[in-house]
């Protein structure tokens, strides 16, 4: 395949990586089909999603002439 997936979805509030910082080290191996390969080490950082509802502190109104 061509996408990186976690076996279990990471929980940003309870990191499962060794040092608990939500950085996961992976090695990607690419092959050309003729027996040649190359490796690339990557760090995948899991960050929180802003899933809070927006809060408006003042009333706002607008009118537009048609």
PDB file of N, CA and C in Angstrom:
ATOM      1  N   UNK A   1       0.807  -1.177   0.000  1.00  0.00           N
ATOM      2  CA  UNK A   1       0.000   0.000   0.000  1.00  0.00           C
ATOM      3  C   UNK A   1       0.857   1.249   0.000  1.00  0.00           C
ATOM      4  N   UNK A   2       0.208   2.368  -0.089  1.00  0.00           N
ATOM      5  CA  UNK A   2       0.933   3.632  -0.144  1.00  0.00           C
ATOM      6  C   UNK A   2       0.529   4.593   0.965  1.00  0.00           C
ATOM      7  N   UNK A   3       0.057   4.076   2.076  1.00  0.00           N
ATOM      8  CA  UNK A   3      -0.260   4.957   3.190  1.00  0.00           C
ATOM      9  C   UNK A   3       0.178   4.313   4.494  1.00  0.00           C
ATOM     10  N   UNK A   4       0.528   5.164   5.422  1.00  0.00           N
ATOM     11  CA  UNK A   4       0.972   4.725   6.738  1.00  0.00           C
ATOM     12  C   UNK A   4      -0.233   4.713   7.663  1.00  0.00           C
ATOM     13  N   UNK A   5      -0.440   3.588   8.336  1.00  0.00           N
ATOM     14  CA  UNK A   5      -1.565   3.478   9.258  1.00  0.00           C
ATOM     15  C   UNK A   5      -1.082   2.926  10.582  1.00  0.00           C
ATOM     16  N   UNK A   6      -1.699   3.385  11.660  1.00  0.00           N
ATOM     17  CA  UNK A   6      -1.442   2.814  12.972  1.00  0.00           C
ATOM     18  C   UNK A   6      -2.262   1.537  13.113  1.00  0.00           C
ATOM     19  N   UNK A   7      -1.728   0.551  13.813  1.00  0.00           N
ATOM     20  CA  UNK A   7      -2.494  -0.662  14.102  1.00  0.00           C
ATOM     21  C   UNK A   7      -3.658  -0.300  15.026  1.00  0.00           C
ATOM     22  N   UNK A   8      -3.380   0.502  16.039  1.00  0.00           N
ATOM     23  CA  UNK A   8      -4.416   1.036  16.929  1.00  0.00           C
ATOM     24  C   UNK A   8      -4.311   2.555  16.879  1.00  0.00           C
ATOM     25  N   UNK A   9      -5.432   3.222  16.757  1.00  0.00           N
ATOM     26  CA  UNK A   9      -5.433   4.687  16.660  1.00  0.00           C
ATOM     27  C   UNK A   9      -4.752   5.297  17.882  1.00  0.00           C
ATOM     28  N   UNK A  10      -3.840   6.253  17.664  1.00  0.00           N
ATOM     29  CA  UNK A  10      -3.164   6.876  18.802  1.00  0.00           C
ATOM     30  C   UNK A  10      -4.105   7.788  19.585  1.00  0.00           C
ATOM     31  N   UNK A  11      -3.853   7.887  20.877  1.00  0.00           N
ATOM     32  CA  UNK A  11      -4.624   8.767  21.753  1.00  0.00           C
ATOM     33  C   UNK A  11      -3.690   9.878  22.201  1.00  0.00           C
ATOM     34  N   UNK A  12      -3.916  11.090  21.715  1.00  0.00           N
ATOM     35  CA  UNK A  12      -3.001  12.199  21.988  1.00  0.00           C
ATOM     36  C   UNK A  12      -2.916  12.507  23.485  1.00  0.00           C
ATOM     37  N   UNK A  13      -3.956  12.183  24.236  1.00  0.00           N
ATOM     38  CA  UNK A  13      -3.957  12.454  25.670  1.00  0.00           C
ATOM     39  C   UNK A  13      -3.308  11.337  26.480  1.00  0.00           C
ATOM     40  N   UNK A  14      -3.072  10.187  25.860  1.00  0.00           N
ATOM     41  CA  UNK A  14      -2.412   9.057  26.524  1.00  0.00           C
ATOM     42  C   UNK A  14      -1.453   8.413  25.527  1.00  0.00           C
ATOM     43  N   UNK A  15      -0.325   9.075  25.250  1.00  0.00           N
ATOM     44  CA  UNK A  15       0.612   8.576  24.232  1.00  0.00           C
ATOM     45  C   UNK A  15       1.094   7.160  24.541  1.00  0.00           C
ATOM     46  N   UNK A  16       1.196   6.343  23.501  1.00  0.00           N
ATOM     47  CA  UNK A  16       1.631   4.958  23.662  1.00  0.00           C
ATOM     48  C   UNK A  16       3.062   4.744  23.189  1.00  0.00           C
ATOM     49  N   UNK A  17       3.732   5.812  22.730  1.00  0.00           N
ATOM     50  CA  UNK A  17       5.115   5.637  22.302  1.00  0.00           C
ATOM     51  C   UNK A  17       6.018   5.520  23.530  1.00  0.00           C
ATOM     52  N   UNK A  18       7.242   5.051  23.308  1.00  0.00           N
ATOM     53  CA  UNK A  18       8.140   4.725  24.421  1.00  0.00           C
ATOM     54  C   UNK A  18       8.392   5.877  25.380  1.00  0.00           C
ATOM     55  N   UNK A  19       8.564   7.092  24.869  1.00  0.00           N
ATOM     56  CA  UNK A  19       8.881   8.203  25.763  1.00  0.00           C
ATOM     57  C   UNK A  19       7.693   9.135  26.014  1.00  0.00           C
ATOM     58  N   UNK A  20       6.513   8.764  25.547  1.00  0.00           N
ATOM     59  CA  UNK A  20       5.292   9.492  25.871  1.00  0.00           C
ATOM     60  C   UNK A  20       5.178  10.880  25.291  1.00  0.00           C
ATOM     61  N   UNK A  21       5.827  11.139  24.126  1.00  0.00           N
ATOM     62  CA  UNK A  21       5.778  12.488  23.555  1.00  0.00           C
ATOM     63  C   UNK A  21       4.980  12.579  22.253  1.00  0.00           C
ATOM     64  N   UNK A  22       4.273  11.505  21.893  1.00  0.00           N
ATOM     65  CA  UNK A  22       3.464  11.447  20.670  1.00  0.00           C
ATOM     66  C   UNK A  22       4.284  11.540  19.385  1.00  0.00           C
ATOM     67  N   UNK A  23       5.584  11.272  19.458  1.00  0.00           N
ATOM     68  CA  UNK A  23       6.431  11.149  18.268  1.00  0.00           C
ATOM     69  C   UNK A  23       6.709   9.670  18.052  1.00  0.00           C
ATOM     70  N   UNK A  24       6.391   9.182  16.873  1.00  0.00           N
ATOM     71  CA  UNK A  24       6.559   7.772  16.544  1.00  0.00           C
ATOM     72  C   UNK A  24       7.586   7.643  15.428  1.00  0.00           C
ATOM     73  N   UNK A  25       8.642   6.854  15.662  1.00  0.00           N
ATOM     74  CA  UNK A  25       9.679   6.653  14.660  1.00  0.00           C
ATOM     75  C   UNK A  25       9.324   5.432  13.825  1.00  0.00           C
ATOM     76  N   UNK A  26       9.385   5.595  12.512  1.00  0.00           N
ATOM     77  CA  UNK A  26       9.112   4.496  11.584  1.00  0.00           C
ATOM     78  C   UNK A  26      10.192   4.486  10.514  1.00  0.00           C
ATOM     79  N   UNK A  27      10.408   3.328   9.938  1.00  0.00           N
ATOM     80  CA  UNK A  27      11.308   3.196   8.799  1.00  0.00           C
ATOM     81  C   UNK A  27      10.480   2.736   7.616  1.00  0.00           C
ATOM     82  N   UNK A  28      10.530   3.491   6.534  1.00  0.00           N
ATOM     83  CA  UNK A  28       9.818   3.158   5.302  1.00  0.00           C
ATOM     84  C   UNK A  28      10.838   2.569   4.336  1.00  0.00           C
ATOM     85  N   UNK A  29      10.511   1.419   3.753  1.00  0.00           N
ATOM     86  CA  UNK A  29      11.381   0.778   2.776  1.00  0.00           C
ATOM     87  C   UNK A  29      10.707   0.821   1.419  1.00  0.00           C
ATOM     88  N   UNK A  30      11.430   1.320   0.420  1.00  0.00           N
ATOM     89  CA  UNK A  30      10.923   1.363  -0.955  1.00  0.00           C
ATOM     90  C   UNK A  30      11.711   0.367  -1.789  1.00  0.00           C
ATOM     91  N   UNK A  31      11.018  -0.287  -2.711  1.00  0.00           N
ATOM     92  CA  UNK A  31      11.643  -1.272  -3.590  1.00  0.00           C
ATOM     93  C   UNK A  31      11.336  -0.921  -5.035  1.00  0.00           C
ATOM     94  N   UNK A  32      12.313  -1.167  -5.923  1.00  0.00           N
ATOM     95  CA  UNK A  32      12.086  -0.886  -7.340  1.00  0.00           C
ATOM     96  C   UNK A  32      11.589  -2.111  -8.107  1.00  0.00           C
ATOM     97  N   UNK A  33      11.353  -3.207  -7.409  1.00  0.00           N
ATOM     98  CA  UNK A  33      10.861  -4.414  -8.063  1.00  0.00           C
ATOM     99  C   UNK A  33      11.962  -5.254  -8.687  1.00  0.00           C
ATOM    100  N   UNK A  34      13.181  -4.738  -8.729  1.00  0.00           N
ATOM    101  CA  UNK A  34      14.316  -5.477  -9.305  1.00  0.00           C
ATOM    102  C   UNK A  34      15.296  -5.890  -8.212  1.00  0.00           C
ATOM    103  N   UNK A  35      14.827  -5.872  -6.976  1.00  0.00           N
ATOM    104  CA  UNK A  35      15.668  -6.308  -5.874  1.00  0.00           C
ATOM    105  C   UNK A  35      16.426  -5.201  -5.168  1.00  0.00           C
ATOM    106  N   UNK A  36      16.314  -3.981  -5.647  1.00  0.00           N
ATOM    107  CA  UNK A  36      16.991  -2.862  -4.982  1.00  0.00           C
ATOM    108  C   UNK A  36      16.003  -2.171  -4.045  1.00  0.00           C
ATOM    109  N   UNK A  37      16.481  -1.859  -2.853  1.00  0.00           N
ATOM    110  CA  UNK A  37      15.638  -1.186  -1.866  1.00  0.00           C
ATOM    111  C   UNK A  37      16.398  -0.027  -1.241  1.00  0.00           C
ATOM    112  N   UNK A  38      15.654   0.853  -0.645  1.00  0.00           N
ATOM    113  CA  UNK A  38      16.233   1.937   0.148  1.00  0.00           C
ATOM    114  C   UNK A  38      15.312   2.202   1.323  1.00  0.00           C
ATOM    115  N   UNK A  39      15.901   2.619   2.430  1.00  0.00           N
ATOM    116  CA  UNK A  39      15.149   2.901   3.647  1.00  0.00           C
ATOM    117  C   UNK A  39      15.173   4.389   3.943  1.00  0.00           C
ATOM    118  N   UNK A  40      14.100   4.867   4.551  1.00  0.00           N
ATOM    119  CA  UNK A  40      14.035   6.252   5.012  1.00  0.00           C
ATOM    120  C   UNK A  40      13.416   6.253   6.398  1.00  0.00           C
ATOM    121  N   UNK A  41      14.131   6.801   7.366  1.00  0.00           N
ATOM    122  CA  UNK A  41      13.601   6.933   8.719  1.00  0.00           C
ATOM    123  C   UNK A  41      12.753   8.194   8.803  1.00  0.00           C
ATOM    124  N   UNK A  42      11.583   8.070   9.415  1.00  0.00           N
ATOM    125  CA  UNK A  42      10.654   9.192   9.563  1.00  0.00           C
ATOM    126  C   UNK A  42      10.191   9.291  11.006  1.00  0.00           C
ATOM    127  N   UNK A  43       9.809  10.484  11.402  1.00  0.00           N
ATOM    128  CA  UNK A  43       9.143  10.691  12.680  1.00  0.00           C
ATOM    129  C   UNK A  43       7.737  11.188  12.384  1.00  0.00           C
ATOM    130  N   UNK A  44       6.752  10.490  12.920  1.00  0.00           N
ATOM    131  CA  UNK A  44       5.351  10.879  12.775  1.00  0.00           C
ATOM    132  C   UNK A  44       4.917  11.465  14.115  1.00  0.00           C
ATOM    133  N   UNK A  45       4.478  12.716  14.098  1.00  0.00           N
ATOM    134  CA  UNK A  45       4.030  13.386  15.315  1.00  0.00           C
ATOM    135  C   UNK A  45       2.511  13.466  15.311  1.00  0.00           C
ATOM    136  N   UNK A  46       1.906  12.960  16.372  1.00  0.00           N
ATOM    137  CA  UNK A  46       0.449  13.000  16.516  1.00  0.00           C
ATOM    138  C   UNK A  46       0.104  14.247  17.322  1.00  0.00           C
ATOM    139  N   UNK A  47      -0.740  15.103  16.744  1.00  0.00           N
ATOM    140  CA  UNK A  47      -1.137  16.343  17.407  1.00  0.00           C
ATOM    141  C   UNK A  47      -2.646  16.337  17.646  1.00  0.00           C
ATOM    142  N   UNK A  48      -3.100  17.071  18.654  1.00  0.00           N
ATOM    143  CA  UNK A  48      -4.530  17.084  18.949  1.00  0.00           C
ATOM    144  C   UNK A  48      -5.327  17.833  17.885  1.00  0.00           C
ATOM    145  N   UNK A  49      -6.566  17.427  17.742  1.00  0.00           N
ATOM    146  CA  UNK A  49      -7.495  18.098  16.843  1.00  0.00           C
ATOM    147  C   UNK A  49      -8.310  19.071  17.680  1.00  0.00           C
ATOM    148  N   UNK A  50      -8.505  20.267  17.166  1.00  0.00           N
ATOM    149  CA  UNK A  50      -9.343  21.235  17.869  1.00  0.00           C
ATOM    150  C   UNK A  50     -10.800  20.860  17.610  1.00  0.00           C
ATOM    151  N   UNK A  51     -11.378  20.095  18.537  1.00  0.00           N
ATOM    152  CA  UNK A  51     -12.757  19.643  18.361  1.00  0.00           C
ATOM    153  C   UNK A  51     -13.730  20.371  19.295  1.00  0.00           C
ATOM    154  N   UNK A  52     -13.315  21.527  19.797  1.00  0.00           N
ATOM    155  CA  UNK A  52     -14.200  22.336  20.638  1.00  0.00           C
ATOM    156  C   UNK A  52     -15.082  23.217  19.761  1.00  0.00           C
ATOM    157  N   UNK A  53     -16.314  23.413  20.210  1.00  0.00           N
ATOM    158  CA  UNK A  53     -17.207  24.320  19.496  1.00  0.00           C
ATOM    159  C   UNK A  53     -16.696  25.749  19.652  1.00  0.00           C
ATOM    160  N   UNK A  54     -16.839  26.577  18.617  1.00  0.00           N
ATOM    161  CA  UNK A  54     -16.394  27.969  18.746  1.00  0.00           C
ATOM    162  C   UNK A  54     -17.275  28.731  19.736  1.00  0.00           C
ATOM    163  N   UNK A  55     -16.678  29.688  20.407  1.00  0.00           N
ATOM    164  CA  UNK A  55     -17.401  30.528  21.358  1.00  0.00           C
ATOM    165  C   UNK A  55     -17.281  31.966  20.880  1.00  0.00           C
ATOM    166  N   UNK A  56     -18.418  32.611  20.676  1.00  0.00           N
ATOM    167  CA  UNK A  56     -18.441  34.003  20.242  1.00  0.00           C
ATOM    168  C   UNK A  56     -18.726  34.873  21.458  1.00  0.00           C
ATOM    169  N   UNK A  57     -17.883  35.873  21.671  1.00  0.00           N
ATOM    170  CA  UNK A  57     -18.017  36.690  22.876  1.00  0.00           C
ATOM    171  C   UNK A  57     -18.806  37.971  22.648  1.00  0.00           C
ATOM    172  N   UNK A  58     -19.140  38.284  21.409  1.00  0.00           N
ATOM    173  CA  UNK A  58     -19.948  39.474  21.152  1.00  0.00           C
ATOM    174  C   UNK A  58     -20.925  39.164  20.028  1.00  0.00           C
ATOM    175  N   UNK A  59     -22.040  39.865  20.081  1.00  0.00           N
ATOM    176  CA  UNK A  59     -23.023  39.681  19.022  1.00  0.00           C
ATOM    177  C   UNK A  59     -22.491  40.342  17.759  1.00  0.00           C
ATOM    178  N   UNK A  60     -22.726  39.712  16.653  1.00  0.00           N
ATOM    179  CA  UNK A  60     -22.280  40.281  15.379  1.00  0.00           C
ATOM    180  C   UNK A  60     -23.426  40.176  14.391  1.00  0.00           C
ATOM    181  N   UNK A  61     -23.569  41.210  13.605  1.00  0.00           N
ATOM    182  CA  UNK A  61     -24.608  41.211  12.582  1.00  0.00           C
ATOM    183  C   UNK A  61     -24.053  41.906  11.359  1.00  0.00           C
ATOM    184  N   UNK A  62     -24.547  41.508  10.229  1.00  0.00           N
ATOM    185  CA  UNK A  62     -24.121  42.146   8.981  1.00  0.00           C
ATOM    186  C   UNK A  62     -25.314  42.190   8.050  1.00  0.00           C
ATOM    187  N   UNK A  63     -25.373  43.230   7.250  1.00  0.00           N
ATOM    188  CA  UNK A  63     -26.404  43.297   6.221  1.00  0.00           C
ATOM    189  C   UNK A  63     -25.721  43.671   4.917  1.00  0.00           C
ATOM    190  N   UNK A  64     -26.238  43.096   3.856  1.00  0.00           N
ATOM    191  CA  UNK A  64     -25.653  43.314   2.532  1.00  0.00           C
ATOM    192  C   UNK A  64     -26.765  43.733   1.593  1.00  0.00           C
ATOM    193  N   UNK A  65     -26.591  44.864   0.920  1.00  0.00           N
ATOM    194  CA  UNK A  65     -27.569  45.314  -0.063  1.00  0.00           C
ATOM    195  C   UNK A  65     -27.495  44.413  -1.287  1.00  0.00           C
ATOM    196  N   UNK A  66     -28.672  44.072  -1.809  1.00  0.00           N
ATOM    197  CA  UNK A  66     -28.707  43.227  -3.005  1.00  0.00           C
ATOM    198  C   UNK A  66     -28.871  44.054  -4.238  1.00  0.00           C
TER     199      UNK A  66
END
